[in-house]
């Protein structure tokens, strides 16, 4: 019984330096004492992928037992989903598009400061 998992969704702004705008993590599958370090690792993976992905491109990168799916839009918004290897790539990119759309509805570009 192998359950596919999404561990985190991150939205960054990429204008020079990468800045985290929003995140949501599900760390319940990790032991209590490993949750903090797992969350930090995912944030580091997300920011690294956001920095290294060119505007207008998307990619999926394997990092140990995780896959980081990243889409860097032309406007500098970057969405990252961290999942296990079994989670379908197409679904992850759909999730990124939905998350960015929802973020923009709640936080118009002029409200980012």
PDB file of N, CA and C in Angstrom:
ATOM      1  N   UNK A   1       0.852  -1.198   0.000  1.00  0.00           N
ATOM      2  CA  UNK A   1       0.000   0.000   0.000  1.00  0.00           C
ATOM      3  C   UNK A   1       0.883   1.241   0.000  1.00  0.00           C
ATOM      4  N   UNK A   2       1.249   1.683  -1.176  1.00  0.00           N
ATOM      5  CA  UNK A   2       2.148   2.826  -1.312  1.00  0.00           C
ATOM      6  C   UNK A   2       1.337   4.082  -1.611  1.00  0.00           C
ATOM      7  N   UNK A   3       1.275   4.997  -0.673  1.00  0.00           N
ATOM      8  CA  UNK A   3       0.507   6.226  -0.835  1.00  0.00           C
ATOM      9  C   UNK A   3       1.428   7.316  -1.371  1.00  0.00           C
ATOM     10  N   UNK A   4       1.006   7.950  -2.477  1.00  0.00           N
ATOM     11  CA  UNK A   4       1.790   9.048  -3.044  1.00  0.00           C
ATOM     12  C   UNK A   4       1.637  10.276  -2.158  1.00  0.00           C
ATOM     13  N   UNK A   5       2.708  11.067  -2.034  1.00  0.00           N
ATOM     14  CA  UNK A   5       2.671  12.203  -1.126  1.00  0.00           C
ATOM     15  C   UNK A   5       3.223  13.479  -1.754  1.00  0.00           C
ATOM     16  N   UNK A   6       2.568  14.588  -1.422  1.00  0.00           N
ATOM     17  CA  UNK A   6       3.127  15.918  -1.643  1.00  0.00           C
ATOM     18  C   UNK A   6       3.524  16.417  -0.259  1.00  0.00           C
ATOM     19  N   UNK A   7       4.780  16.804  -0.104  1.00  0.00           N
ATOM     20  CA  UNK A   7       5.283  17.240   1.196  1.00  0.00           C
ATOM     21  C   UNK A   7       5.237  18.754   1.374  1.00  0.00           C
ATOM     22  N   UNK A   8       5.333  19.490   0.272  1.00  0.00           N
ATOM     23  CA  UNK A   8       5.345  20.943   0.406  1.00  0.00           C
ATOM     24  C   UNK A   8       5.043  21.644  -0.906  1.00  0.00           C
ATOM     25  N   UNK A   9       4.435  22.827  -0.760  1.00  0.00           N
ATOM     26  CA  UNK A   9       4.168  23.711  -1.893  1.00  0.00           C
ATOM     27  C   UNK A   9       4.726  25.079  -1.508  1.00  0.00           C
ATOM     28  N   UNK A  10       5.522  25.662  -2.374  1.00  0.00           N
ATOM     29  CA  UNK A  10       6.185  26.934  -2.085  1.00  0.00           C
ATOM     30  C   UNK A  10       5.990  27.891  -3.252  1.00  0.00           C
ATOM     31  N   UNK A  11       5.813  29.157  -2.940  1.00  0.00           N
ATOM     32  CA  UNK A  11       5.737  30.197  -3.964  1.00  0.00           C
ATOM     33  C   UNK A  11       6.793  31.246  -3.643  1.00  0.00           C
ATOM     34  N   UNK A  12       7.615  31.545  -4.626  1.00  0.00           N
ATOM     35  CA  UNK A  12       8.714  32.500  -4.478  1.00  0.00           C
ATOM     36  C   UNK A  12       8.550  33.640  -5.476  1.00  0.00           C
ATOM     37  N   UNK A  13       9.190  34.746  -5.159  1.00  0.00           N
ATOM     38  CA  UNK A  13       9.361  35.846  -6.111  1.00  0.00           C
ATOM     39  C   UNK A  13      10.833  35.852  -6.489  1.00  0.00           C
ATOM     40  N   UNK A  14      11.090  35.902  -7.783  1.00  0.00           N
ATOM     41  CA  UNK A  14      12.473  35.888  -8.263  1.00  0.00           C
ATOM     42  C   UNK A  14      12.737  37.193  -8.987  1.00  0.00           C
ATOM     43  N   UNK A  15      13.252  38.156  -8.249  1.00  0.00           N
ATOM     44  CA  UNK A  15      13.685  39.443  -8.818  1.00  0.00           C
ATOM     45  C   UNK A  15      15.027  39.733  -8.187  1.00  0.00           C
ATOM     46  N   UNK A  16      16.067  39.319  -8.860  1.00  0.00           N
ATOM     47  CA  UNK A  16      17.388  39.353  -8.237  1.00  0.00           C
ATOM     48  C   UNK A  16      17.474  38.197  -7.261  1.00  0.00           C
ATOM     49  N   UNK A  17      17.311  38.495  -5.985  1.00  0.00           N
ATOM     50  CA  UNK A  17      17.341  37.457  -4.967  1.00  0.00           C
ATOM     51  C   UNK A  17      15.968  36.787  -4.872  1.00  0.00           C
ATOM     52  N   UNK A  18      15.953  35.510  -4.542  1.00  0.00           N
ATOM     53  CA  UNK A  18      14.705  34.759  -4.403  1.00  0.00           C
ATOM     54  C   UNK A  18      14.117  35.008  -3.017  1.00  0.00           C
ATOM     55  N   UNK A  19      12.811  35.319  -2.975  1.00  0.00           N
ATOM     56  CA  UNK A  19      12.129  35.564  -1.697  1.00  0.00           C
ATOM     57  C   UNK A  19      10.915  34.643  -1.590  1.00  0.00           C
ATOM     58  N   UNK A  20      10.765  33.987  -0.447  1.00  0.00           N
ATOM     59  CA  UNK A  20       9.621  33.113  -0.200  1.00  0.00           C
ATOM     60  C   UNK A  20       8.399  33.972   0.091  1.00  0.00           C
ATOM     61  N   UNK A  21       7.319  33.765  -0.687  1.00  0.00           N
ATOM     62  CA  UNK A  21       6.083  34.520  -0.503  1.00  0.00           C
ATOM     63  C   UNK A  21       5.037  33.723   0.266  1.00  0.00           C
ATOM     64  N   UNK A  22       4.994  32.407   0.041  1.00  0.00           N
ATOM     65  CA  UNK A  22       3.994  31.563   0.698  1.00  0.00           C
ATOM     66  C   UNK A  22       4.476  30.123   0.700  1.00  0.00           C
ATOM     67  N   UNK A  23       4.067  29.379   1.723  1.00  0.00           N
ATOM     68  CA  UNK A  23       4.427  27.962   1.760  1.00  0.00           C
ATOM     69  C   UNK A  23       3.409  27.185   2.573  1.00  0.00           C
ATOM     70  N   UNK A  24       3.318  25.921   2.268  1.00  0.00           N
ATOM     71  CA  UNK A  24       2.495  24.991   3.039  1.00  0.00           C
ATOM     72  C   UNK A  24       3.219  23.658   3.025  1.00  0.00           C
ATOM     73  N   UNK A  25       3.413  23.075   4.205  1.00  0.00           N
ATOM     74  CA  UNK A  25       4.128  21.810   4.308  1.00  0.00           C
ATOM     75  C   UNK A  25       3.279  20.801   5.065  1.00  0.00           C
ATOM     76  N   UNK A  26       3.387  19.535   4.676  1.00  0.00           N
ATOM     77  CA  UNK A  26       2.767  18.432   5.400  1.00  0.00           C
ATOM     78  C   UNK A  26       3.893  17.525   5.867  1.00  0.00           C
ATOM     79  N   UNK A  27       4.211  17.628   7.146  1.00  0.00           N
ATOM     80  CA  UNK A  27       5.350  16.889   7.697  1.00  0.00           C
ATOM     81  C   UNK A  27       4.912  15.745   8.609  1.00  0.00           C
ATOM     82  N   UNK A  28       3.617  15.414   8.590  1.00  0.00           N
ATOM     83  CA  UNK A  28       3.097  14.399   9.508  1.00  0.00           C
ATOM     84  C   UNK A  28       3.655  13.000   9.242  1.00  0.00           C
ATOM     85  N   UNK A  29       4.139  12.745   8.036  1.00  0.00           N
ATOM     86  CA  UNK A  29       4.694  11.420   7.749  1.00  0.00           C
ATOM     87  C   UNK A  29       6.110  11.258   8.303  1.00  0.00           C
ATOM     88  N   UNK A  30       6.678  12.342   8.833  1.00  0.00           N
ATOM     89  CA  UNK A  30       8.014  12.289   9.435  1.00  0.00           C
ATOM     90  C   UNK A  30       7.875  12.112  10.945  1.00  0.00           C
ATOM     91  N   UNK A  31       8.844  11.459  11.543  1.00  0.00           N
ATOM     92  CA  UNK A  31       8.854  11.334  12.993  1.00  0.00           C
ATOM     93  C   UNK A  31       8.902  12.713  13.635  1.00  0.00           C
ATOM     94  N   UNK A  32       8.365  12.803  14.826  1.00  0.00           N
ATOM     95  CA  UNK A  32       8.245  14.092  15.518  1.00  0.00           C
ATOM     96  C   UNK A  32       9.569  14.862  15.541  1.00  0.00           C
ATOM     97  N   UNK A  33      10.658  14.171  15.841  1.00  0.00           N
ATOM     98  CA  UNK A  33      11.944  14.855  15.991  1.00  0.00           C
ATOM     99  C   UNK A  33      12.619  15.154  14.651  1.00  0.00           C
ATOM    100  N   UNK A  34      12.091  14.617  13.558  1.00  0.00           N
ATOM    101  CA  UNK A  34      12.675  14.872  12.235  1.00  0.00           C
ATOM    102  C   UNK A  34      11.912  15.932  11.457  1.00  0.00           C
ATOM    103  N   UNK A  35      10.743  16.359  11.949  1.00  0.00           N
ATOM    104  CA  UNK A  35       9.893  17.280  11.183  1.00  0.00           C
ATOM    105  C   UNK A  35      10.567  18.614  10.908  1.00  0.00           C
ATOM    106  N   UNK A  36      11.210  19.176  11.907  1.00  0.00           N
ATOM    107  CA  UNK A  36      11.834  20.484  11.731  1.00  0.00           C
ATOM    108  C   UNK A  36      12.923  20.432  10.656  1.00  0.00           C
ATOM    109  N   UNK A  37      13.790  19.438  10.750  1.00  0.00           N
ATOM    110  CA  UNK A  37      14.879  19.358   9.768  1.00  0.00           C
ATOM    111  C   UNK A  37      14.339  19.001   8.380  1.00  0.00           C
ATOM    112  N   UNK A  38      13.285  18.192   8.301  1.00  0.00           N
ATOM    113  CA  UNK A  38      12.682  17.872   7.001  1.00  0.00           C
ATOM    114  C   UNK A  38      12.092  19.135   6.372  1.00  0.00           C
ATOM    115  N   UNK A  39      11.404  19.952   7.169  1.00  0.00           N
ATOM    116  CA  UNK A  39      10.840  21.199   6.665  1.00  0.00           C
ATOM    117  C   UNK A  39      11.911  22.151   6.186  1.00  0.00           C
ATOM    118  N   UNK A  40      13.003  22.271   6.939  1.00  0.00           N
ATOM    119  CA  UNK A  40      14.111  23.146   6.543  1.00  0.00           C
ATOM    120  C   UNK A  40      14.748  22.659   5.242  1.00  0.00           C
ATOM    121  N   UNK A  41      14.905  21.332   5.108  1.00  0.00           N
ATOM    122  CA  UNK A  41      15.500  20.772   3.900  1.00  0.00           C
ATOM    123  C   UNK A  41      14.621  21.089   2.688  1.00  0.00           C
ATOM    124  N   UNK A  42      13.298  20.975   2.853  1.00  0.00           N
ATOM    125  CA  UNK A  42      12.393  21.254   1.734  1.00  0.00           C
ATOM    126  C   UNK A  42      12.428  22.730   1.346  1.00  0.00           C
ATOM    127  N   UNK A  43      12.500  23.613   2.329  1.00  0.00           N
ATOM    128  CA  UNK A  43      12.602  25.047   2.021  1.00  0.00           C
ATOM    129  C   UNK A  43      13.906  25.348   1.295  1.00  0.00           C
ATOM    130  N   UNK A  44      14.987  24.712   1.737  1.00  0.00           N
ATOM    131  CA  UNK A  44      16.276  24.904   1.071  1.00  0.00           C
ATOM    132  C   UNK A  44      16.222  24.378  -0.364  1.00  0.00           C
ATOM    133  N   UNK A  45      15.632  23.188  -0.551  1.00  0.00           N
ATOM    134  CA  UNK A  45      15.489  22.621  -1.888  1.00  0.00           C
ATOM    135  C   UNK A  45      14.655  23.552  -2.760  1.00  0.00           C
ATOM    136  N   UNK A  46      13.550  24.047  -2.223  1.00  0.00           N
ATOM    137  CA  UNK A  46      12.675  24.944  -2.985  1.00  0.00           C
ATOM    138  C   UNK A  46      13.378  26.214  -3.407  1.00  0.00           C
ATOM    139  N   UNK A  47      14.087  26.849  -2.472  1.00  0.00           N
ATOM    140  CA  UNK A  47      14.758  28.105  -2.818  1.00  0.00           C
ATOM    141  C   UNK A  47      15.903  27.874  -3.798  1.00  0.00           C
ATOM    142  N   UNK A  48      16.613  26.750  -3.649  1.00  0.00           N
ATOM    143  CA  UNK A  48      17.702  26.426  -4.575  1.00  0.00           C
ATOM    144  C   UNK A  48      17.154  26.206  -5.981  1.00  0.00           C
ATOM    145  N   UNK A  49      16.048  25.462  -6.087  1.00  0.00           N
ATOM    146  CA  UNK A  49      15.443  25.229  -7.396  1.00  0.00           C
ATOM    147  C   UNK A  49      14.936  26.538  -7.998  1.00  0.00           C
ATOM    148  N   UNK A  50      14.334  27.393  -7.169  1.00  0.00           N
ATOM    149  CA  UNK A  50      13.835  28.678  -7.661  1.00  0.00           C
ATOM    150  C   UNK A  50      14.981  29.524  -8.205  1.00  0.00           C
ATOM    151  N   UNK A  51      16.109  29.544  -7.505  1.00  0.00           N
ATOM    152  CA  UNK A  51      17.274  30.320  -7.945  1.00  0.00           C
ATOM    153  C   UNK A  51      17.840  29.795  -9.265  1.00  0.00           C
ATOM    154  N   UNK A  52      17.858  28.477  -9.419  1.00  0.00           N
ATOM    155  CA  UNK A  52      18.568  27.857 -10.547  1.00  0.00           C
ATOM    156  C   UNK A  52      17.701  27.590 -11.769  1.00  0.00           C
ATOM    157  N   UNK A  53      16.421  27.915 -11.692  1.00  0.00           N
ATOM    158  CA  UNK A  53      15.537  27.664 -12.832  1.00  0.00           C
ATOM    159  C   UNK A  53      15.304  28.965 -13.581  1.00  0.00           C
ATOM    160  N   UNK A  54      15.578  28.944 -14.876  1.00  0.00           N
ATOM    161  CA  UNK A  54      15.438  30.147 -15.696  1.00  0.00           C
ATOM    162  C   UNK A  54      13.974  30.518 -15.852  1.00  0.00           C
ATOM    163  N   UNK A  55      13.721  31.833 -15.979  1.00  0.00           N
ATOM    164  CA  UNK A  55      12.351  32.305 -16.196  1.00  0.00           C
ATOM    165  C   UNK A  55      11.782  31.667 -17.458  1.00  0.00           C
ATOM    166  N   UNK A  56      10.517  31.272 -17.366  1.00  0.00           N
ATOM    167  CA  UNK A  56       9.841  30.667 -18.504  1.00  0.00           C
ATOM    168  C   UNK A  56      10.094  29.182 -18.663  1.00  0.00           C
ATOM    169  N   UNK A  57      10.702  28.545 -17.667  1.00  0.00           N
ATOM    170  CA  UNK A  57      10.994  27.115 -17.769  1.00  0.00           C
ATOM    171  C   UNK A  57      10.467  26.363 -16.556  1.00  0.00           C
ATOM    172  N   UNK A  58      10.408  25.058 -16.711  1.00  0.00           N
ATOM    173  CA  UNK A  58      10.048  24.192 -15.596  1.00  0.00           C
ATOM    174  C   UNK A  58      10.883  22.935 -15.666  1.00  0.00           C
ATOM    175  N   UNK A  59      11.072  22.316 -14.516  1.00  0.00           N
ATOM    176  CA  UNK A  59      11.883  21.111 -14.457  1.00  0.00           C
ATOM    177  C   UNK A  59      11.545  20.325 -13.198  1.00  0.00           C
ATOM    178  N   UNK A  60      11.953  19.070 -13.193  1.00  0.00           N
ATOM    179  CA  UNK A  60      11.814  18.214 -12.010  1.00  0.00           C
ATOM    180  C   UNK A  60      13.188  17.661 -11.683  1.00  0.00           C
ATOM    181  N   UNK A  61      13.579  17.803 -10.419  1.00  0.00           N
ATOM    182  CA  UNK A  61      14.918  17.403  -9.977  1.00  0.00           C
ATOM    183  C   UNK A  61      14.785  16.442  -8.806  1.00  0.00           C
ATOM    184  N   UNK A  62      15.503  15.322  -8.885  1.00  0.00           N
ATOM    185  CA  UNK A  62      15.494  14.349  -7.777  1.00  0.00           C
ATOM    186  C   UNK A  62      16.548  14.747  -6.753  1.00  0.00           C
ATOM    187  N   UNK A  63      16.144  14.773  -5.494  1.00  0.00           N
ATOM    188  CA  UNK A  63      17.060  15.064  -4.381  1.00  0.00           C
ATOM    189  C   UNK A  63      16.789  14.027  -3.298  1.00  0.00           C
ATOM    190  N   UNK A  64      17.709  13.081  -3.121  1.00  0.00           N
ATOM    191  CA  UNK A  64      17.550  11.911  -2.255  1.00  0.00           C
ATOM    192  C   UNK A  64      16.208  11.264  -2.554  1.00  0.00           C
ATOM    193  N   UNK A  65      15.304  11.131  -1.574  1.00  0.00           N
ATOM    194  CA  UNK A  65      14.034  10.439  -1.854  1.00  0.00           C
ATOM    195  C   UNK A  65      12.919  11.379  -2.297  1.00  0.00           C
ATOM    196  N   UNK A  66      13.243  12.643  -2.548  1.00  0.00           N
ATOM    197  CA  UNK A  66      12.252  13.641  -2.938  1.00  0.00           C
ATOM    198  C   UNK A  66      12.436  14.062  -4.392  1.00  0.00           C
ATOM    199  N   UNK A  67      11.345  14.576  -4.965  1.00  0.00           N
ATOM    200  CA  UNK A  67      11.414  15.193  -6.283  1.00  0.00           C
ATOM    201  C   UNK A  67      10.938  16.635  -6.107  1.00  0.00           C
ATOM    202  N   UNK A  68      11.737  17.577  -6.574  1.00  0.00           N
ATOM    203  CA  UNK A  68      11.340  18.974  -6.570  1.00  0.00           C
ATOM    204  C   UNK A  68      10.878  19.358  -7.962  1.00  0.00           C
ATOM    205  N   UNK A  69       9.625  19.746  -8.080  1.00  0.00           N
ATOM    206  CA  UNK A  69       9.056  20.186  -9.355  1.00  0.00           C
ATOM    207  C   UNK A  69       8.979  21.708  -9.295  1.00  0.00           C
ATOM    208  N   UNK A  70       9.534  22.382 -10.280  1.00  0.00           N
ATOM    209  CA  UNK A  70       9.593  23.843 -10.240  1.00  0.00           C
ATOM    210  C   UNK A  70       9.152  24.432 -11.570  1.00  0.00           C
ATOM    211  N   UNK A  71       8.364  25.495 -11.480  1.00  0.00           N
ATOM    212  CA  UNK A  71       7.955  26.256 -12.661  1.00  0.00           C
ATOM    213  C   UNK A  71       8.247  27.719 -12.374  1.00  0.00           C
ATOM    214  N   UNK A  72       9.156  28.292 -13.155  1.00  0.00           N
ATOM    215  CA  UNK A  72       9.519  29.700 -13.010  1.00  0.00           C
ATOM    216  C   UNK A  72       8.867  30.464 -14.153  1.00  0.00           C
ATOM    217  N   UNK A  73       7.897  31.281 -13.811  1.00  0.00           N
ATOM    218  CA  UNK A  73       7.153  32.031 -14.818  1.00  0.00           C
ATOM    219  C   UNK A  73       7.957  33.228 -15.319  1.00  0.00           C
ATOM    220  N   UNK A  74       7.542  33.765 -16.471  1.00  0.00           N
ATOM    221  CA  UNK A  74       8.226  34.933 -17.056  1.00  0.00           C
ATOM    222  C   UNK A  74       8.122  36.162 -16.156  1.00  0.00           C
ATOM    223  N   UNK A  75       7.063  36.242 -15.332  1.00  0.00           N
ATOM    224  CA  UNK A  75       6.887  37.408 -14.457  1.00  0.00           C
ATOM    225  C   UNK A  75       7.673  37.305 -13.154  1.00  0.00           C
ATOM    226  N   UNK A  76       8.449  36.226 -12.982  1.00  0.00           N
ATOM    227  CA  UNK A  76       9.278  36.092 -11.794  1.00  0.00           C
ATOM    228  C   UNK A  76       8.637  35.345 -10.649  1.00  0.00           C
ATOM    229  N   UNK A  77       7.388  34.916 -10.794  1.00  0.00           N
ATOM    230  CA  UNK A  77       6.783  34.061  -9.769  1.00  0.00           C
ATOM    231  C   UNK A  77       7.243  32.630 -10.011  1.00  0.00           C
ATOM    232  N   UNK A  78       7.615  31.955  -8.927  1.00  0.00           N
ATOM    233  CA  UNK A  78       8.115  30.589  -9.022  1.00  0.00           C
ATOM    234  C   UNK A  78       7.294  29.715  -8.095  1.00  0.00           C
ATOM    235  N   UNK A  79       6.791  28.618  -8.632  1.00  0.00           N
ATOM    236  CA  UNK A  79       6.094  27.632  -7.816  1.00  0.00           C
ATOM    237  C   UNK A  79       6.922  26.373  -7.714  1.00  0.00           C
ATOM    238  N   UNK A  80       6.985  25.798  -6.508  1.00  0.00           N
ATOM    239  CA  UNK A  80       7.733  24.563  -6.282  1.00  0.00           C
ATOM    240  C   UNK A  80       6.842  23.590  -5.520  1.00  0.00           C
ATOM    241  N   UNK A  81       6.790  22.351  -5.971  1.00  0.00           N
ATOM    242  CA  UNK A  81       6.136  21.273  -5.238  1.00  0.00           C
ATOM    243  C   UNK A  81       7.204  20.237  -4.930  1.00  0.00           C
ATOM    244  N   UNK A  82       7.287  19.833  -3.660  1.00  0.00           N
ATOM    245  CA  UNK A  82       8.182  18.753  -3.248  1.00  0.00           C
ATOM    246  C   UNK A  82       7.304  17.534  -2.990  1.00  0.00           C
ATOM    247  N   UNK A  83       7.592  16.452  -3.722  1.00  0.00           N
ATOM    248  CA  UNK A  83       6.779  15.236  -3.611  1.00  0.00           C
ATOM    249  C   UNK A  83       7.691  14.022  -3.497  1.00  0.00           C
ATOM    250  N   UNK A  84       7.051  12.848  -3.314  1.00  0.00           N
ATOM    251  CA  UNK A  84       7.823  11.616  -3.409  1.00  0.00           C
ATOM    252  C   UNK A  84       7.954  11.244  -4.890  1.00  0.00           C
ATOM    253  N   UNK A  85       8.739  10.220  -5.165  1.00  0.00           N
ATOM    254  CA  UNK A  85       9.035   9.859  -6.559  1.00  0.00           C
ATOM    255  C   UNK A  85       7.821   9.285  -7.286  1.00  0.00           C
ATOM    256  N   UNK A  86       6.835   8.783  -6.545  1.00  0.00           N
ATOM    257  CA  UNK A  86       5.675   8.154  -7.176  1.00  0.00           C
ATOM    258  C   UNK A  86       4.640   9.168  -7.653  1.00  0.00           C
ATOM    259  N   UNK A  87       4.685  10.390  -7.139  1.00  0.00           N
ATOM    260  CA  UNK A  87       3.650  11.373  -7.471  1.00  0.00           C
ATOM    261  C   UNK A  87       3.812  11.796  -8.929  1.00  0.00           C
ATOM    262  N   UNK A  88       2.735  11.785  -9.719  1.00  0.00           N
ATOM    263  CA  UNK A  88       2.856  12.099 -11.153  1.00  0.00           C
ATOM    264  C   UNK A  88       3.311  13.537 -11.406  1.00  0.00           C
ATOM    265  N   UNK A  89       4.287  13.678 -12.276  1.00  0.00           N
ATOM    266  CA  UNK A  89       4.858  14.991 -12.593  1.00  0.00           C
ATOM    267  C   UNK A  89       3.795  15.950 -13.141  1.00  0.00           C
ATOM    268  N   UNK A  90       2.940  15.463 -14.030  1.00  0.00           N
ATOM    269  CA  UNK A  90       1.907  16.308 -14.638  1.00  0.00           C
ATOM    270  C   UNK A  90       0.986  16.893 -13.572  1.00  0.00           C
ATOM    271  N   UNK A  91       0.631  16.071 -12.581  1.00  0.00           N
ATOM    272  CA  UNK A  91      -0.245  16.537 -11.506  1.00  0.00           C
ATOM    273  C   UNK A  91       0.467  17.605 -10.665  1.00  0.00           C
ATOM    274  N   UNK A  92       1.754  17.438 -10.439  1.00  0.00           N
ATOM    275  CA  UNK A  92       2.522  18.431  -9.669  1.00  0.00           C
ATOM    276  C   UNK A  92       2.539  19.782 -10.375  1.00  0.00           C
ATOM    277  N   UNK A  93       2.724  19.782 -11.689  1.00  0.00           N
ATOM    278  CA  UNK A  93       2.744  21.055 -12.412  1.00  0.00           C
ATOM    279  C   UNK A  93       1.356  21.694 -12.460  1.00  0.00           C
ATOM    280  N   UNK A  94       0.302  20.874 -12.504  1.00  0.00           N
ATOM    281  CA  UNK A  94      -1.056  21.415 -12.402  1.00  0.00           C
ATOM    282  C   UNK A  94      -1.283  22.040 -11.033  1.00  0.00           C
ATOM    283  N   UNK A  95      -0.760  21.394  -9.997  1.00  0.00           N
ATOM    284  CA  UNK A  95      -0.867  21.910  -8.629  1.00  0.00           C
ATOM    285  C   UNK A  95      -0.128  23.240  -8.484  1.00  0.00           C
ATOM    286  N   UNK A  96       1.037  23.351  -9.108  1.00  0.00           N
ATOM    287  CA  UNK A  96       1.792  24.609  -9.080  1.00  0.00           C
ATOM    288  C   UNK A  96       0.975  25.722  -9.737  1.00  0.00           C
ATOM    289  N   UNK A  97       0.404  25.442 -10.910  1.00  0.00           N
ATOM    290  CA  UNK A  97      -0.393  26.460 -11.608  1.00  0.00           C
ATOM    291  C   UNK A  97      -1.582  26.898 -10.767  1.00  0.00           C
ATOM    292  N   UNK A  98      -2.252  25.959 -10.139  1.00  0.00           N
ATOM    293  CA  UNK A  98      -3.406  26.277  -9.289  1.00  0.00           C
ATOM    294  C   UNK A  98      -2.966  27.093  -8.072  1.00  0.00           C
ATOM    295  N   UNK A  99      -1.870  26.704  -7.443  1.00  0.00           N
ATOM    296  CA  UNK A  99      -1.384  27.415  -6.259  1.00  0.00           C
ATOM    297  C   UNK A  99      -1.007  28.857  -6.604  1.00  0.00           C
ATOM    298  N   UNK A 100      -0.321  29.059  -7.717  1.00  0.00           N
ATOM    299  CA  UNK A 100       0.053  30.414  -8.133  1.00  0.00           C
ATOM    300  C   UNK A 100      -1.196  31.226  -8.453  1.00  0.00           C
ATOM    301  N   UNK A 101      -2.162  30.636  -9.149  1.00  0.00           N
ATOM    302  CA  UNK A 101      -3.411  31.328  -9.452  1.00  0.00           C
ATOM    303  C   UNK A 101      -4.150  31.751  -8.189  1.00  0.00           C
ATOM    304  N   UNK A 102      -4.242  30.837  -7.221  1.00  0.00           N
ATOM    305  CA  UNK A 102      -4.899  31.149  -5.947  1.00  0.00           C
ATOM    306  C   UNK A 102      -4.145  32.245  -5.201  1.00  0.00           C
ATOM    307  N   UNK A 103      -2.810  32.160  -5.221  1.00  0.00           N
ATOM    308  CA  UNK A 103      -1.989  33.168  -4.547  1.00  0.00           C
ATOM    309  C   UNK A 103      -2.240  34.548  -5.153  1.00  0.00           C
ATOM    310  N   UNK A 104      -2.257  34.631  -6.476  1.00  0.00           N
ATOM    311  CA  UNK A 104      -2.452  35.921  -7.147  1.00  0.00           C
ATOM    312  C   UNK A 104      -3.841  36.498  -6.889  1.00  0.00           C
ATOM    313  N   UNK A 105      -4.842  35.640  -6.730  1.00  0.00           N
ATOM    314  CA  UNK A 105      -6.188  36.123  -6.402  1.00  0.00           C
ATOM    315  C   UNK A 105      -6.210  36.765  -5.016  1.00  0.00           C
ATOM    316  N   UNK A 106      -5.518  36.144  -4.071  1.00  0.00           N
ATOM    317  CA  UNK A 106      -5.517  36.639  -2.692  1.00  0.00           C
ATOM    318  C   UNK A 106      -4.499  37.749  -2.465  1.00  0.00           C
ATOM    319  N   UNK A 107      -3.421  37.755  -3.250  1.00  0.00           N
ATOM    320  CA  UNK A 107      -2.325  38.713  -3.057  1.00  0.00           C
ATOM    321  C   UNK A 107      -1.920  39.301  -4.406  1.00  0.00           C
ATOM    322  N   UNK A 108      -2.628  40.344  -4.871  1.00  0.00           N
ATOM    323  CA  UNK A 108      -2.243  40.958  -6.142  1.00  0.00           C
ATOM    324  C   UNK A 108      -0.784  41.437  -6.104  1.00  0.00           C
ATOM    325  N   UNK A 109      -0.172  41.497  -7.270  1.00  0.00           N
ATOM    326  CA  UNK A 109       1.253  41.824  -7.372  1.00  0.00           C
ATOM    327  C   UNK A 109       1.635  43.101  -6.615  1.00  0.00           C
ATOM    328  N   UNK A 110       0.766  44.140  -6.626  1.00  0.00           N
ATOM    329  CA  UNK A 110       1.119  45.405  -5.971  1.00  0.00           C
ATOM    330  C   UNK A 110       1.086  45.311  -4.445  1.00  0.00           C
ATOM    331  N   UNK A 111       0.669  44.168  -3.883  1.00  0.00           N
ATOM    332  CA  UNK A 111       0.618  44.029  -2.418  1.00  0.00           C
ATOM    333  C   UNK A 111       1.830  43.301  -1.857  1.00  0.00           C
ATOM    334  N   UNK A 112       2.800  42.950  -2.692  1.00  0.00           N
ATOM    335  CA  UNK A 112       3.941  42.158  -2.237  1.00  0.00           C
ATOM    336  C   UNK A 112       4.963  42.958  -1.465  1.00  0.00           C
ATOM    337  N   UNK A 113       4.957  44.265  -1.600  1.00  0.00           N
ATOM    338  CA  UNK A 113       5.914  45.108  -0.861  1.00  0.00           C
ATOM    339  C   UNK A 113       7.252  44.968  -1.399  1.00  0.00           C
TER     340      UNK A 113
END
